[in-house]
Amino acid sequence: MAALSSPLGVCRGILKELRATQGSKYRQSLAYNYVMDQFRKNKVTGERYCRAQQEAHHAAHTYLCLLSSTRNHLILHNLYHQGKGDCSTTQAAGLVGLQLPSQPGGKGWEK
């Protein structure tokens, strides 16, 4: 996480997420052009230091967090919702590694 504290690290992280979602043609996308334009526009030089650059860095870091969280959410969603629809209580418990207790008389929780 230390590499993401610098603007260059955040820029590389955003480009990595764009590459992961859009494939090898990510450099032709509007998102790539916008991100690169914003990082070039808010680059700190020796003559200036302003609050806008810090705000832009914070916004970029937040955007990187959004991109990586969305990608992770889609991975988890595809893992646990494989088009099966609704499953029984026993199947749902087994999916997360649990086992339902059995009722006296041999009947379980299954409806």
PDB file of N, CA and C in Angstrom:
ATOM      1  N   MET A   1       0.820  -1.189   0.000  1.00  0.00           N
ATOM      2  CA  MET A   1       0.000   0.000   0.000  1.00  0.00           C
ATOM      3  C   MET A   1       0.860   1.248   0.000  1.00  0.00           C
ATOM      4  N   ALA A   2       2.127   1.126   0.343  1.00  0.00           N
ATOM      5  CA  ALA A   2       3.010   2.287   0.374  1.00  0.00           C
ATOM      6  C   ALA A   2       3.245   2.838  -1.024  1.00  0.00           C
ATOM      7  N   ALA A   3       3.250   1.964  -2.033  1.00  0.00           N
ATOM      8  CA  ALA A   3       3.459   2.429  -3.401  1.00  0.00           C
ATOM      9  C   ALA A   3       2.268   3.234  -3.899  1.00  0.00           C
ATOM     10  N   LEU A   4       1.089   2.999  -3.311  1.00  0.00           N
ATOM     11  CA  LEU A   4      -0.094   3.721  -3.746  1.00  0.00           C
ATOM     12  C   LEU A   4      -0.212   5.095  -3.107  1.00  0.00           C
ATOM     13  N   SER A   5       0.708   5.443  -2.210  1.00  0.00           N
ATOM     14  CA  SER A   5       0.638   6.762  -1.599  1.00  0.00           C
ATOM     15  C   SER A   5       1.176   7.838  -2.533  1.00  0.00           C
ATOM     16  N   SER A   6       1.959   7.457  -3.531  1.00  0.00           N
ATOM     17  CA  SER A   6       2.465   8.442  -4.480  1.00  0.00           C
ATOM     18  C   SER A   6       1.508   8.549  -5.664  1.00  0.00           C
ATOM     19  N   PRO A   7       1.458   9.718  -6.303  1.00  0.00           N
ATOM     20  CA  PRO A   7       0.589   9.870  -7.471  1.00  0.00           C
ATOM     21  C   PRO A   7       0.930   8.895  -8.599  1.00  0.00           C
ATOM     22  N   LEU A   8       2.196   8.609  -8.789  1.00  0.00           N
ATOM     23  CA  LEU A   8       2.584   7.663  -9.835  1.00  0.00           C
ATOM     24  C   LEU A   8       2.066   6.260  -9.529  1.00  0.00           C
ATOM     25  N   GLY A   9       2.108   5.855  -8.258  1.00  0.00           N
ATOM     26  CA  GLY A   9       1.584   4.551  -7.861  1.00  0.00           C
ATOM     27  C   GLY A   9       0.086   4.448  -8.075  1.00  0.00           C
ATOM     28  N   VAL A  10      -0.627   5.531  -7.774  1.00  0.00           N
ATOM     29  CA  VAL A  10      -2.074   5.549  -7.988  1.00  0.00           C
ATOM     30  C   VAL A  10      -2.381   5.479  -9.477  1.00  0.00           C
ATOM     31  N   CYS A  11      -1.642   6.219 -10.271  1.00  0.00           N
ATOM     32  CA  CYS A  11      -1.848   6.205 -11.730  1.00  0.00           C
ATOM     33  C   CYS A  11      -1.618   4.798 -12.283  1.00  0.00           C
ATOM     34  N   ARG A  12      -0.547   4.161 -11.856  1.00  0.00           N
ATOM     35  CA  ARG A  12      -0.264   2.792 -12.317  1.00  0.00           C
ATOM     36  C   ARG A  12      -1.354   1.833 -11.873  1.00  0.00           C
ATOM     37  N   GLY A  13      -1.868   2.013 -10.661  1.00  0.00           N
ATOM     38  CA  GLY A  13      -2.943   1.153 -10.175  1.00  0.00           C
ATOM     39  C   GLY A  13      -4.212   1.304 -10.989  1.00  0.00           C
ATOM     40  N   ILE A  14      -4.566   2.543 -11.329  1.00  0.00           N
ATOM     41  CA  ILE A  14      -5.751   2.785 -12.150  1.00  0.00           C
ATOM     42  C   ILE A  14      -5.569   2.165 -13.526  1.00  0.00           C
ATOM     43  N   LEU A  15      -4.401   2.337 -14.119  1.00  0.00           N
ATOM     44  CA  LEU A  15      -4.153   1.763 -15.440  1.00  0.00           C
ATOM     45  C   LEU A  15      -4.174   0.237 -15.386  1.00  0.00           C
ATOM     46  N   LYS A  16      -3.713  -0.344 -14.296  1.00  0.00           N
ATOM     47  CA  LYS A  16      -3.764  -1.801 -14.134  1.00  0.00           C
ATOM     48  C   LYS A  16      -5.213  -2.280 -14.088  1.00  0.00           C
ATOM     49  N   GLU A  17      -6.069  -1.555 -13.377  1.00  0.00           N
ATOM     50  CA  GLU A  17      -7.481  -1.927 -13.307  1.00  0.00           C
ATOM     51  C   GLU A  17      -8.159  -1.759 -14.666  1.00  0.00           C
ATOM     52  N   LEU A  18      -7.818  -0.701 -15.386  1.00  0.00           N
ATOM     53  CA  LEU A  18      -8.384  -0.522 -16.729  1.00  0.00           C
ATOM     54  C   LEU A  18      -7.957  -1.654 -17.656  1.00  0.00           C
ATOM     55  N   ARG A  19      -6.701  -2.051 -17.549  1.00  0.00           N
ATOM     56  CA  ARG A  19      -6.189  -3.147 -18.366  1.00  0.00           C
ATOM     57  C   ARG A  19      -6.905  -4.452 -18.033  1.00  0.00           C
ATOM     58  N   ALA A  20      -7.205  -4.661 -16.745  1.00  0.00           N
ATOM     59  CA  ALA A  20      -7.872  -5.888 -16.319  1.00  0.00           C
ATOM     60  C   ALA A  20      -9.301  -5.949 -16.829  1.00  0.00           C
ATOM     61  N   THR A  21      -9.969  -4.807 -16.926  1.00  0.00           N
ATOM     62  CA  THR A  21     -11.365  -4.815 -17.359  1.00  0.00           C
ATOM     63  C   THR A  21     -11.527  -4.711 -18.860  1.00  0.00           C
ATOM     64  N   GLN A  22     -10.639  -3.995 -19.534  1.00  0.00           N
ATOM     65  CA  GLN A  22     -10.826  -3.735 -20.961  1.00  0.00           C
ATOM     66  C   GLN A  22      -9.889  -4.515 -21.859  1.00  0.00           C
ATOM     67  N   GLY A  23      -8.917  -5.198 -21.299  1.00  0.00           N
ATOM     68  CA  GLY A  23      -8.017  -6.003 -22.117  1.00  0.00           C
ATOM     69  C   GLY A  23      -6.898  -5.177 -22.727  1.00  0.00           C
ATOM     70  N   SER A  24      -6.347  -5.683 -23.825  1.00  0.00           N
ATOM     71  CA  SER A  24      -5.156  -5.061 -24.413  1.00  0.00           C
ATOM     72  C   SER A  24      -5.452  -3.753 -25.142  1.00  0.00           C
ATOM     73  N   LYS A  25      -6.704  -3.472 -25.431  1.00  0.00           N
ATOM     74  CA  LYS A  25      -7.061  -2.246 -26.162  1.00  0.00           C
ATOM     75  C   LYS A  25      -7.415  -1.093 -25.217  1.00  0.00           C
ATOM     76  N   TYR A  26      -6.965  -1.181 -23.968  1.00  0.00           N
ATOM     77  CA  TYR A  26      -7.347  -0.152 -22.998  1.00  0.00           C
ATOM     78  C   TYR A  26      -6.760   1.215 -23.333  1.00  0.00           C
ATOM     79  N   ARG A  27      -5.656   1.250 -24.078  1.00  0.00           N
ATOM     80  CA  ARG A  27      -5.037   2.549 -24.395  1.00  0.00           C
ATOM     81  C   ARG A  27      -5.853   3.373 -25.391  1.00  0.00           C
ATOM     82  N   GLN A  28      -6.776   2.743 -26.085  1.00  0.00           N
ATOM     83  CA  GLN A  28      -7.631   3.475 -27.019  1.00  0.00           C
ATOM     84  C   GLN A  28      -8.942   3.922 -26.374  1.00  0.00           C
ATOM     85  N   SER A  29      -9.147   3.613 -25.094  1.00  0.00           N
ATOM     86  CA  SER A  29     -10.419   3.939 -24.449  1.00  0.00           C
ATOM     87  C   SER A  29     -10.441   5.401 -23.997  1.00  0.00           C
ATOM     88  N   LEU A  30     -11.647   5.904 -23.825  1.00  0.00           N
ATOM     89  CA  LEU A  30     -11.826   7.268 -23.334  1.00  0.00           C
ATOM     90  C   LEU A  30     -11.387   7.388 -21.879  1.00  0.00           C
ATOM     91  N   ALA A  31     -11.584   6.328 -21.105  1.00  0.00           N
ATOM     92  CA  ALA A  31     -11.185   6.351 -19.700  1.00  0.00           C
ATOM     93  C   ALA A  31      -9.669   6.516 -19.575  1.00  0.00           C
ATOM     94  N   TYR A  32      -8.912   5.801 -20.396  1.00  0.00           N
ATOM     95  CA  TYR A  32      -7.448   5.916 -20.361  1.00  0.00           C
ATOM     96  C   TYR A  32      -7.025   7.344 -20.708  1.00  0.00           C
ATOM     97  N   ASN A  33      -7.600   7.892 -21.757  1.00  0.00           N
ATOM     98  CA  ASN A  33      -7.246   9.265 -22.163  1.00  0.00           C
ATOM     99  C   ASN A  33      -7.592  10.272 -21.071  1.00  0.00           C
ATOM    100  N   TYR A  34      -8.736  10.085 -20.421  1.00  0.00           N
ATOM    101  CA  TYR A  34      -9.138  11.012 -19.362  1.00  0.00           C
ATOM    102  C   TYR A  34      -8.200  10.922 -18.158  1.00  0.00           C
ATOM    103  N   VAL A  35      -7.880   9.695 -17.741  1.00  0.00           N
ATOM    104  CA  VAL A  35      -7.008   9.511 -16.581  1.00  0.00           C
ATOM    105  C   VAL A  35      -5.634  10.119 -16.846  1.00  0.00           C
ATOM    106  N   MET A  36      -5.073   9.843 -17.997  1.00  0.00           N
ATOM    107  CA  MET A  36      -3.751  10.380 -18.316  1.00  0.00           C
ATOM    108  C   MET A  36      -3.775  11.903 -18.408  1.00  0.00           C
ATOM    109  N   ASP A  37      -4.833  12.453 -18.984  1.00  0.00           N
ATOM    110  CA  ASP A  37      -4.961  13.906 -19.092  1.00  0.00           C
ATOM    111  C   ASP A  37      -5.037  14.550 -17.701  1.00  0.00           C
ATOM    112  N   GLN A  38      -5.810  13.939 -16.801  1.00  0.00           N
ATOM    113  CA  GLN A  38      -5.942  14.499 -15.457  1.00  0.00           C
ATOM    114  C   GLN A  38      -4.629  14.411 -14.677  1.00  0.00           C
ATOM    115  N   PHE A  39      -3.895  13.325 -14.822  1.00  0.00           N
ATOM    116  CA  PHE A  39      -2.621  13.219 -14.108  1.00  0.00           C
ATOM    117  C   PHE A  39      -1.597  14.197 -14.671  1.00  0.00           C
ATOM    118  N   ARG A  40      -1.604  14.410 -15.963  1.00  0.00           N
ATOM    119  CA  ARG A  40      -0.672  15.395 -16.553  1.00  0.00           C
ATOM    120  C   ARG A  40      -1.045  16.814 -16.146  1.00  0.00           C
ATOM    121  N   LYS A  41      -2.338  17.091 -16.086  1.00  0.00           N
ATOM    122  CA  LYS A  41      -2.809  18.428 -15.752  1.00  0.00           C
ATOM    123  C   LYS A  41      -2.503  18.784 -14.296  1.00  0.00           C
ATOM    124  N   ASN A  42      -2.557  17.826 -13.400  1.00  0.00           N
ATOM    125  CA  ASN A  42      -2.359  18.084 -11.974  1.00  0.00           C
ATOM    126  C   ASN A  42      -0.962  17.729 -11.492  1.00  0.00           C
ATOM    127  N   LYS A  43      -0.011  17.587 -12.408  1.00  0.00           N
ATOM    128  CA  LYS A  43       1.365  17.282 -12.029  1.00  0.00           C
ATOM    129  C   LYS A  43       1.980  18.485 -11.306  1.00  0.00           C
ATOM    130  N   VAL A  44       2.692  18.222 -10.230  1.00  0.00           N
ATOM    131  CA  VAL A  44       3.325  19.294  -9.457  1.00  0.00           C
ATOM    132  C   VAL A  44       4.674  19.620 -10.087  1.00  0.00           C
ATOM    133  N   THR A  45       4.909  20.883 -10.314  1.00  0.00           N
ATOM    134  CA  THR A  45       6.206  21.319 -10.821  1.00  0.00           C
ATOM    135  C   THR A  45       6.932  22.072  -9.714  1.00  0.00           C
ATOM    136  N   GLY A  46       8.131  22.531 -10.006  1.00  0.00           N
ATOM    137  CA  GLY A  46       8.903  23.268  -9.020  1.00  0.00           C
ATOM    138  C   GLY A  46       8.333  24.632  -8.732  1.00  0.00           C
ATOM    139  N   GLU A  47       7.538  25.177  -9.651  1.00  0.00           N
ATOM    140  CA  GLU A  47       7.019  26.530  -9.470  1.00  0.00           C
ATOM    141  C   GLU A  47       5.711  26.590  -8.703  1.00  0.00           C
ATOM    142  N   ARG A  48       5.018  25.468  -8.575  1.00  0.00           N
ATOM    143  CA  ARG A  48       3.712  25.574  -7.933  1.00  0.00           C
ATOM    144  C   ARG A  48       3.469  24.408  -6.987  1.00  0.00           C
ATOM    145  N   TYR A  49       2.694  24.699  -5.966  1.00  0.00           N
ATOM    146  CA  TYR A  49       2.214  23.693  -5.044  1.00  0.00           C
ATOM    147  C   TYR A  49       0.841  24.180  -4.602  1.00  0.00           C
ATOM    148  N   CYS A  50      -0.168  23.419  -4.909  1.00  0.00           N
ATOM    149  CA  CYS A  50      -1.509  23.895  -4.600  1.00  0.00           C
ATOM    150  C   CYS A  50      -2.360  22.786  -4.015  1.00  0.00           C
ATOM    151  N   ARG A  51      -3.442  23.198  -3.430  1.00  0.00           N
ATOM    152  CA  ARG A  51      -4.365  22.269  -2.817  1.00  0.00           C
ATOM    153  C   ARG A  51      -5.065  21.410  -3.871  1.00  0.00           C
ATOM    154  N   ALA A  52      -5.263  21.915  -5.054  1.00  0.00           N
ATOM    155  CA  ALA A  52      -5.957  21.175  -6.103  1.00  0.00           C
ATOM    156  C   ALA A  52      -5.225  19.880  -6.448  1.00  0.00           C
ATOM    157  N   GLN A  53      -3.898  19.912  -6.392  1.00  0.00           N
ATOM    158  CA  GLN A  53      -3.141  18.695  -6.693  1.00  0.00           C
ATOM    159  C   GLN A  53      -3.397  17.647  -5.627  1.00  0.00           C
ATOM    160  N   GLN A  54      -3.454  18.037  -4.355  1.00  0.00           N
ATOM    161  CA  GLN A  54      -3.740  17.089  -3.281  1.00  0.00           C
ATOM    162  C   GLN A  54      -5.157  16.538  -3.390  1.00  0.00           C
ATOM    163  N   GLU A  55      -6.103  17.392  -3.771  1.00  0.00           N
ATOM    164  CA  GLU A  55      -7.479  16.937  -3.952  1.00  0.00           C
ATOM    165  C   GLU A  55      -7.576  15.976  -5.129  1.00  0.00           C
ATOM    166  N   ALA A  56      -6.835  16.252  -6.188  1.00  0.00           N
ATOM    167  CA  ALA A  56      -6.837  15.365  -7.349  1.00  0.00           C
ATOM    168  C   ALA A  56      -6.226  14.014  -6.993  1.00  0.00           C
ATOM    169  N   HIS A  57      -5.174  14.016  -6.188  1.00  0.00           N
ATOM    170  CA  HIS A  57      -4.557  12.759  -5.754  1.00  0.00           C
ATOM    171  C   HIS A  57      -5.539  11.945  -4.906  1.00  0.00           C
ATOM    172  N   HIS A  58      -6.262  12.612  -4.018  1.00  0.00           N
ATOM    173  CA  HIS A  58      -7.249  11.921  -3.188  1.00  0.00           C
ATOM    174  C   HIS A  58      -8.379  11.356  -4.053  1.00  0.00           C
ATOM    175  N   ALA A  59      -8.850  12.129  -5.020  1.00  0.00           N
ATOM    176  CA  ALA A  59      -9.911  11.650  -5.918  1.00  0.00           C
ATOM    177  C   ALA A  59      -9.431  10.457  -6.736  1.00  0.00           C
ATOM    178  N   ALA A  60      -8.185  10.504  -7.197  1.00  0.00           N
ATOM    179  CA  ALA A  60      -7.641   9.387  -7.969  1.00  0.00           C
ATOM    180  C   ALA A  60      -7.507   8.144  -7.110  1.00  0.00           C
ATOM    181  N   HIS A  61      -7.076   8.302  -5.867  1.00  0.00           N
ATOM    182  CA  HIS A  61      -6.952   7.160  -4.963  1.00  0.00           C
ATOM    183  C   HIS A  61      -8.330   6.553  -4.674  1.00  0.00           C
ATOM    184  N   THR A  62      -9.338   7.396  -4.519  1.00  0.00           N
ATOM    185  CA  THR A  62     -10.702   6.930  -4.304  1.00  0.00           C
ATOM    186  C   THR A  62     -11.220   6.188  -5.530  1.00  0.00           C
ATOM    187  N   TYR A  63     -10.907   6.691  -6.712  1.00  0.00           N
ATOM    188  CA  TYR A  63     -11.330   6.048  -7.952  1.00  0.00           C
ATOM    189  C   TYR A  63     -10.654   4.684  -8.101  1.00  0.00           C
ATOM    190  N   LEU A  64      -9.399   4.585  -7.736  1.00  0.00           N
ATOM    191  CA  LEU A  64      -8.698   3.306  -7.774  1.00  0.00           C
ATOM    192  C   LEU A  64      -9.354   2.315  -6.825  1.00  0.00           C
ATOM    193  N   CYS A  65      -9.728   2.761  -5.659  1.00  0.00           N
ATOM    194  CA  CYS A  65     -10.409   1.900  -4.694  1.00  0.00           C
ATOM    195  C   CYS A  65     -11.742   1.417  -5.268  1.00  0.00           C
ATOM    196  N   LEU A  66     -12.474   2.291  -5.940  1.00  0.00           N
ATOM    197  CA  LEU A  66     -13.742   1.915  -6.563  1.00  0.00           C
ATOM    198  C   LEU A  66     -13.529   0.860  -7.647  1.00  0.00           C
ATOM    199  N   LEU A  67     -12.533   1.056  -8.500  1.00  0.00           N
ATOM    200  CA  LEU A  67     -12.284   0.100  -9.579  1.00  0.00           C
ATOM    201  C   LEU A  67     -11.895  -1.274  -9.049  1.00  0.00           C
ATOM    202  N   SER A  68     -10.992  -1.311  -8.087  1.00  0.00           N
ATOM    203  CA  SER A  68     -10.560  -2.611  -7.568  1.00  0.00           C
ATOM    204  C   SER A  68     -11.675  -3.286  -6.773  1.00  0.00           C
ATOM    205  N   SER A  69     -12.470  -2.528  -6.035  1.00  0.00           N
ATOM    206  CA  SER A  69     -13.580  -3.104  -5.280  1.00  0.00           C
ATOM    207  C   SER A  69     -14.654  -3.646  -6.211  1.00  0.00           C
ATOM    208  N   THR A  70     -14.923  -2.949  -7.305  1.00  0.00           N
ATOM    209  CA  THR A  70     -15.903  -3.430  -8.274  1.00  0.00           C
ATOM    210  C   THR A  70     -15.438  -4.719  -8.927  1.00  0.00           C
ATOM    211  N   ARG A  71     -14.162  -4.794  -9.280  1.00  0.00           N
ATOM    212  CA  ARG A  71     -13.627  -6.012  -9.883  1.00  0.00           C
ATOM    213  C   ARG A  71     -13.697  -7.174  -8.912  1.00  0.00           C
ATOM    214  N   ASN A  72     -13.331  -6.931  -7.647  1.00  0.00           N
ATOM    215  CA  ASN A  72     -13.409  -7.987  -6.638  1.00  0.00           C
ATOM    216  C   ASN A  72     -14.847  -8.418  -6.383  1.00  0.00           C
ATOM    217  N   HIS A  73     -15.780  -7.475  -6.411  1.00  0.00           N
ATOM    218  CA  HIS A  73     -17.192  -7.804  -6.225  1.00  0.00           C
ATOM    219  C   HIS A  73     -17.686  -8.704  -7.353  1.00  0.00           C
ATOM    220  N   LEU A  74     -17.315  -8.399  -8.584  1.00  0.00           N
ATOM    221  CA  LEU A  74     -17.738  -9.238  -9.702  1.00  0.00           C
ATOM    222  C   LEU A  74     -17.158 -10.644  -9.608  1.00  0.00           C
ATOM    223  N   ILE A  75     -15.912 -10.758  -9.159  1.00  0.00           N
ATOM    224  CA  ILE A  75     -15.305 -12.082  -8.984  1.00  0.00           C
ATOM    225  C   ILE A  75     -16.079 -12.876  -7.938  1.00  0.00           C
ATOM    226  N   LEU A  76     -16.383 -12.258  -6.798  1.00  0.00           N
ATOM    227  CA  LEU A  76     -17.128 -12.946  -5.750  1.00  0.00           C
ATOM    228  C   LEU A  76     -18.554 -13.271  -6.185  1.00  0.00           C
ATOM    229  N   HIS A  77     -19.179 -12.345  -6.895  1.00  0.00           N
ATOM    230  CA  HIS A  77     -20.544 -12.579  -7.378  1.00  0.00           C
ATOM    231  C   HIS A  77     -20.576 -13.767  -8.332  1.00  0.00           C
ATOM    232  N   ASN A  78     -19.629 -13.843  -9.235  1.00  0.00           N
ATOM    233  CA  ASN A  78     -19.589 -14.977 -10.158  1.00  0.00           C
ATOM    234  C   ASN A  78     -19.271 -16.281  -9.446  1.00  0.00           C
ATOM    235  N   LEU A  79     -18.500 -16.218  -8.370  1.00  0.00           N
ATOM    236  CA  LEU A  79     -18.141 -17.418  -7.629  1.00  0.00           C
ATOM    237  C   LEU A  79     -19.342 -17.993  -6.889  1.00  0.00           C
ATOM    238  N   TYR A  80     -20.135 -17.140  -6.234  1.00  0.00           N
ATOM    239  CA  TYR A  80     -21.218 -17.620  -5.389  1.00  0.00           C
ATOM    240  C   TYR A  80     -22.592 -17.600  -6.046  1.00  0.00           C
ATOM    241  N   HIS A  81     -22.733 -16.973  -7.197  1.00  0.00           N
ATOM    242  CA  HIS A  81     -24.012 -16.956  -7.915  1.00  0.00           C
ATOM    243  C   HIS A  81     -23.778 -17.500  -9.315  1.00  0.00           C
ATOM    244  N   GLN A  82     -23.671 -18.798  -9.410  1.00  0.00           N
ATOM    245  CA  GLN A  82     -23.330 -19.410 -10.683  1.00  0.00           C
ATOM    246  C   GLN A  82     -24.564 -19.762 -11.494  1.00  0.00           C
ATOM    247  N   GLY A  83     -25.583 -18.920 -11.454  1.00  0.00           N
ATOM    248  CA  GLY A  83     -26.770 -19.132 -12.271  1.00  0.00           C
ATOM    249  C   GLY A  83     -27.675 -20.239 -11.757  1.00  0.00           C
ATOM    250  N   LYS A  84     -27.504 -20.661 -10.505  1.00  0.00           N
ATOM    251  CA  LYS A  84     -28.309 -21.737  -9.964  1.00  0.00           C
ATOM    252  C   LYS A  84     -29.672 -21.249  -9.477  1.00  0.00           C
ATOM    253  N   GLY A  85     -29.828 -19.985  -9.287  1.00  0.00           N
ATOM    254  CA  GLY A  85     -31.065 -19.473  -8.721  1.00  0.00           C
ATOM    255  C   GLY A  85     -31.050 -19.639  -7.211  1.00  0.00           C
ATOM    256  N   ASP A  86     -32.235 -19.749  -6.633  1.00  0.00           N
ATOM    257  CA  ASP A  86     -32.332 -19.932  -5.189  1.00  0.00           C
ATOM    258  C   ASP A  86     -31.978 -21.363  -4.833  1.00  0.00           C
ATOM    259  N   CYS A  87     -31.292 -21.515  -3.726  1.00  0.00           N
ATOM    260  CA  CYS A  87     -30.928 -22.856  -3.265  1.00  0.00           C
ATOM    261  C   CYS A  87     -31.550 -23.097  -1.900  1.00  0.00           C
ATOM    262  N   SER A  88     -31.579 -24.345  -1.497  1.00  0.00           N
ATOM    263  CA  SER A  88     -32.171 -24.693  -0.204  1.00  0.00           C
ATOM    264  C   SER A  88     -31.275 -24.196   0.930  1.00  0.00           C
ATOM    265  N   THR A  89     -31.826 -24.254   2.131  1.00  0.00           N
ATOM    266  CA  THR A  89     -31.090 -23.802   3.307  1.00  0.00           C
ATOM    267  C   THR A  89     -29.852 -24.663   3.528  1.00  0.00           C
ATOM    268  N   THR A  90     -30.002 -25.971   3.315  1.00  0.00           N
ATOM    269  CA  THR A  90     -28.871 -26.882   3.494  1.00  0.00           C
ATOM    270  C   THR A  90     -27.769 -26.593   2.486  1.00  0.00           C
ATOM    271  N   GLN A  91     -28.156 -26.330   1.228  1.00  0.00           N
ATOM    272  CA  GLN A  91     -27.165 -26.010   0.208  1.00  0.00           C
ATOM    273  C   GLN A  91     -26.473 -24.684   0.505  1.00  0.00           C
ATOM    274  N   ALA A  92     -27.223 -23.694   0.973  1.00  0.00           N
ATOM    275  CA  ALA A  92     -26.633 -22.395   1.308  1.00  0.00           C
ATOM    276  C   ALA A  92     -25.650 -22.531   2.463  1.00  0.00           C
ATOM    277  N   ALA A  93     -25.995 -23.346   3.459  1.00  0.00           N
ATOM    278  CA  ALA A  93     -25.079 -23.564   4.581  1.00  0.00           C
ATOM    279  C   ALA A  93     -23.824 -24.287   4.109  1.00  0.00           C
ATOM    280  N   GLY A  94     -23.978 -25.270   3.234  1.00  0.00           N
ATOM    281  CA  GLY A  94     -22.827 -25.996   2.711  1.00  0.00           C
ATOM    282  C   GLY A  94     -21.932 -25.119   1.863  1.00  0.00           C
ATOM    283  N   LEU A  95     -22.520 -24.120   1.216  1.00  0.00           N
ATOM    284  CA  LEU A  95     -21.736 -23.221   0.359  1.00  0.00           C
ATOM    285  C   LEU A  95     -20.706 -22.436   1.155  1.00  0.00           C
ATOM    286  N   VAL A  96     -21.052 -22.097   2.392  1.00  0.00           N
ATOM    287  CA  VAL A  96     -20.118 -21.344   3.234  1.00  0.00           C
ATOM    288  C   VAL A  96     -19.408 -22.228   4.242  1.00  0.00           C
ATOM    289  N   GLY A  97     -19.574 -23.552   4.125  1.00  0.00           N
ATOM    290  CA  GLY A  97     -18.828 -24.474   4.970  1.00  0.00           C
ATOM    291  C   GLY A  97     -19.485 -24.807   6.299  1.00  0.00           C
ATOM    292  N   LEU A  98     -20.784 -24.621   6.394  1.00  0.00           N
ATOM    293  CA  LEU A  98     -21.502 -24.943   7.629  1.00  0.00           C
ATOM    294  C   LEU A  98     -22.396 -26.149   7.419  1.00  0.00           C
ATOM    295  N   GLN A  99     -22.868 -26.718   8.520  1.00  0.00           N
ATOM    296  CA  GLN A  99     -23.769 -27.849   8.456  1.00  0.00           C
ATOM    297  C   GLN A  99     -24.919 -27.576   9.413  1.00  0.00           C
ATOM    298  N   LEU A 100     -26.150 -27.780   8.967  1.00  0.00           N
ATOM    299  CA  LEU A 100     -27.311 -27.521   9.800  1.00  0.00           C
ATOM    300  C   LEU A 100     -27.494 -28.646  10.812  1.00  0.00           C
ATOM    301  N   PRO A 101     -27.960 -28.305  12.013  1.00  0.00           N
ATOM    302  CA  PRO A 101     -28.225 -29.360  12.997  1.00  0.00           C
ATOM    303  C   PRO A 101     -29.467 -30.154  12.597  1.00  0.00           C
ATOM    304  N   SER A 102     -29.520 -31.382  13.027  1.00  0.00           N
ATOM    305  CA  SER A 102     -30.684 -32.200  12.689  1.00  0.00           C
ATOM    306  C   SER A 102     -31.697 -32.125  13.824  1.00  0.00           C
ATOM    307  N   GLN A 103     -32.975 -32.251  13.471  1.00  0.00           N
ATOM    308  CA  GLN A 103     -34.070 -32.225  14.434  1.00  0.00           C
ATOM    309  C   GLN A 103     -34.211 -33.598  15.080  1.00  0.00           C
ATOM    310  N   PRO A 104     -34.678 -33.661  16.304  1.00  0.00           N
ATOM    311  CA  PRO A 104     -34.991 -34.967  16.886  1.00  0.00           C
ATOM    312  C   PRO A 104     -36.040 -35.688  16.043  1.00  0.00           C
ATOM    313  N   GLY A 105     -35.864 -36.924  15.836  1.00  0.00           N
ATOM    314  CA  GLY A 105     -36.796 -37.674  15.005  1.00  0.00           C
ATOM    315  C   GLY A 105     -36.275 -37.830  13.589  1.00  0.00           C
ATOM    316  N   GLY A 106     -35.080 -37.290  13.301  1.00  0.00           N
ATOM    317  CA  GLY A 106     -34.467 -37.496  11.994  1.00  0.00           C
ATOM    318  C   GLY A 106     -34.815 -36.473  10.944  1.00  0.00           C
ATOM    319  N   LYS A 107     -35.719 -35.535  11.231  1.00  0.00           N
ATOM    320  CA  LYS A 107     -36.065 -34.528  10.222  1.00  0.00           C
ATOM    321  C   LYS A 107     -35.126 -33.327  10.365  1.00  0.00           C
ATOM    322  N   GLY A 108     -34.635 -32.878   9.241  1.00  0.00           N
ATOM    323  CA  GLY A 108     -33.736 -31.722   9.244  1.00  0.00           C
ATOM    324  C   GLY A 108     -34.497 -30.433   9.035  1.00  0.00           C
ATOM    325  N   TRP A 109     -33.807 -29.393   8.733  1.00  0.00           N
ATOM    326  CA  TRP A 109     -34.387 -28.082   8.493  1.00  0.00           C
ATOM    327  C   TRP A 109     -34.923 -27.941   7.092  1.00  0.00           C
ATOM    328  N   GLU A 110     -34.705 -28.910   6.275  1.00  0.00           N
ATOM    329  CA  GLU A 110     -35.099 -28.849   4.873  1.00  0.00           C
ATOM    330  C   GLU A 110     -36.607 -28.740   4.767  1.00  0.00           C
ATOM    331  N   LYS A 111     -37.093 -27.868   3.909  1.00  0.00           N
ATOM    332  CA  LYS A 111     -38.555 -27.696   3.708  1.00  0.00           C
ATOM    333  C   LYS A 111     -39.027 -28.540   2.567  1.00  0.00           C
TER     334      LYS A 111
END
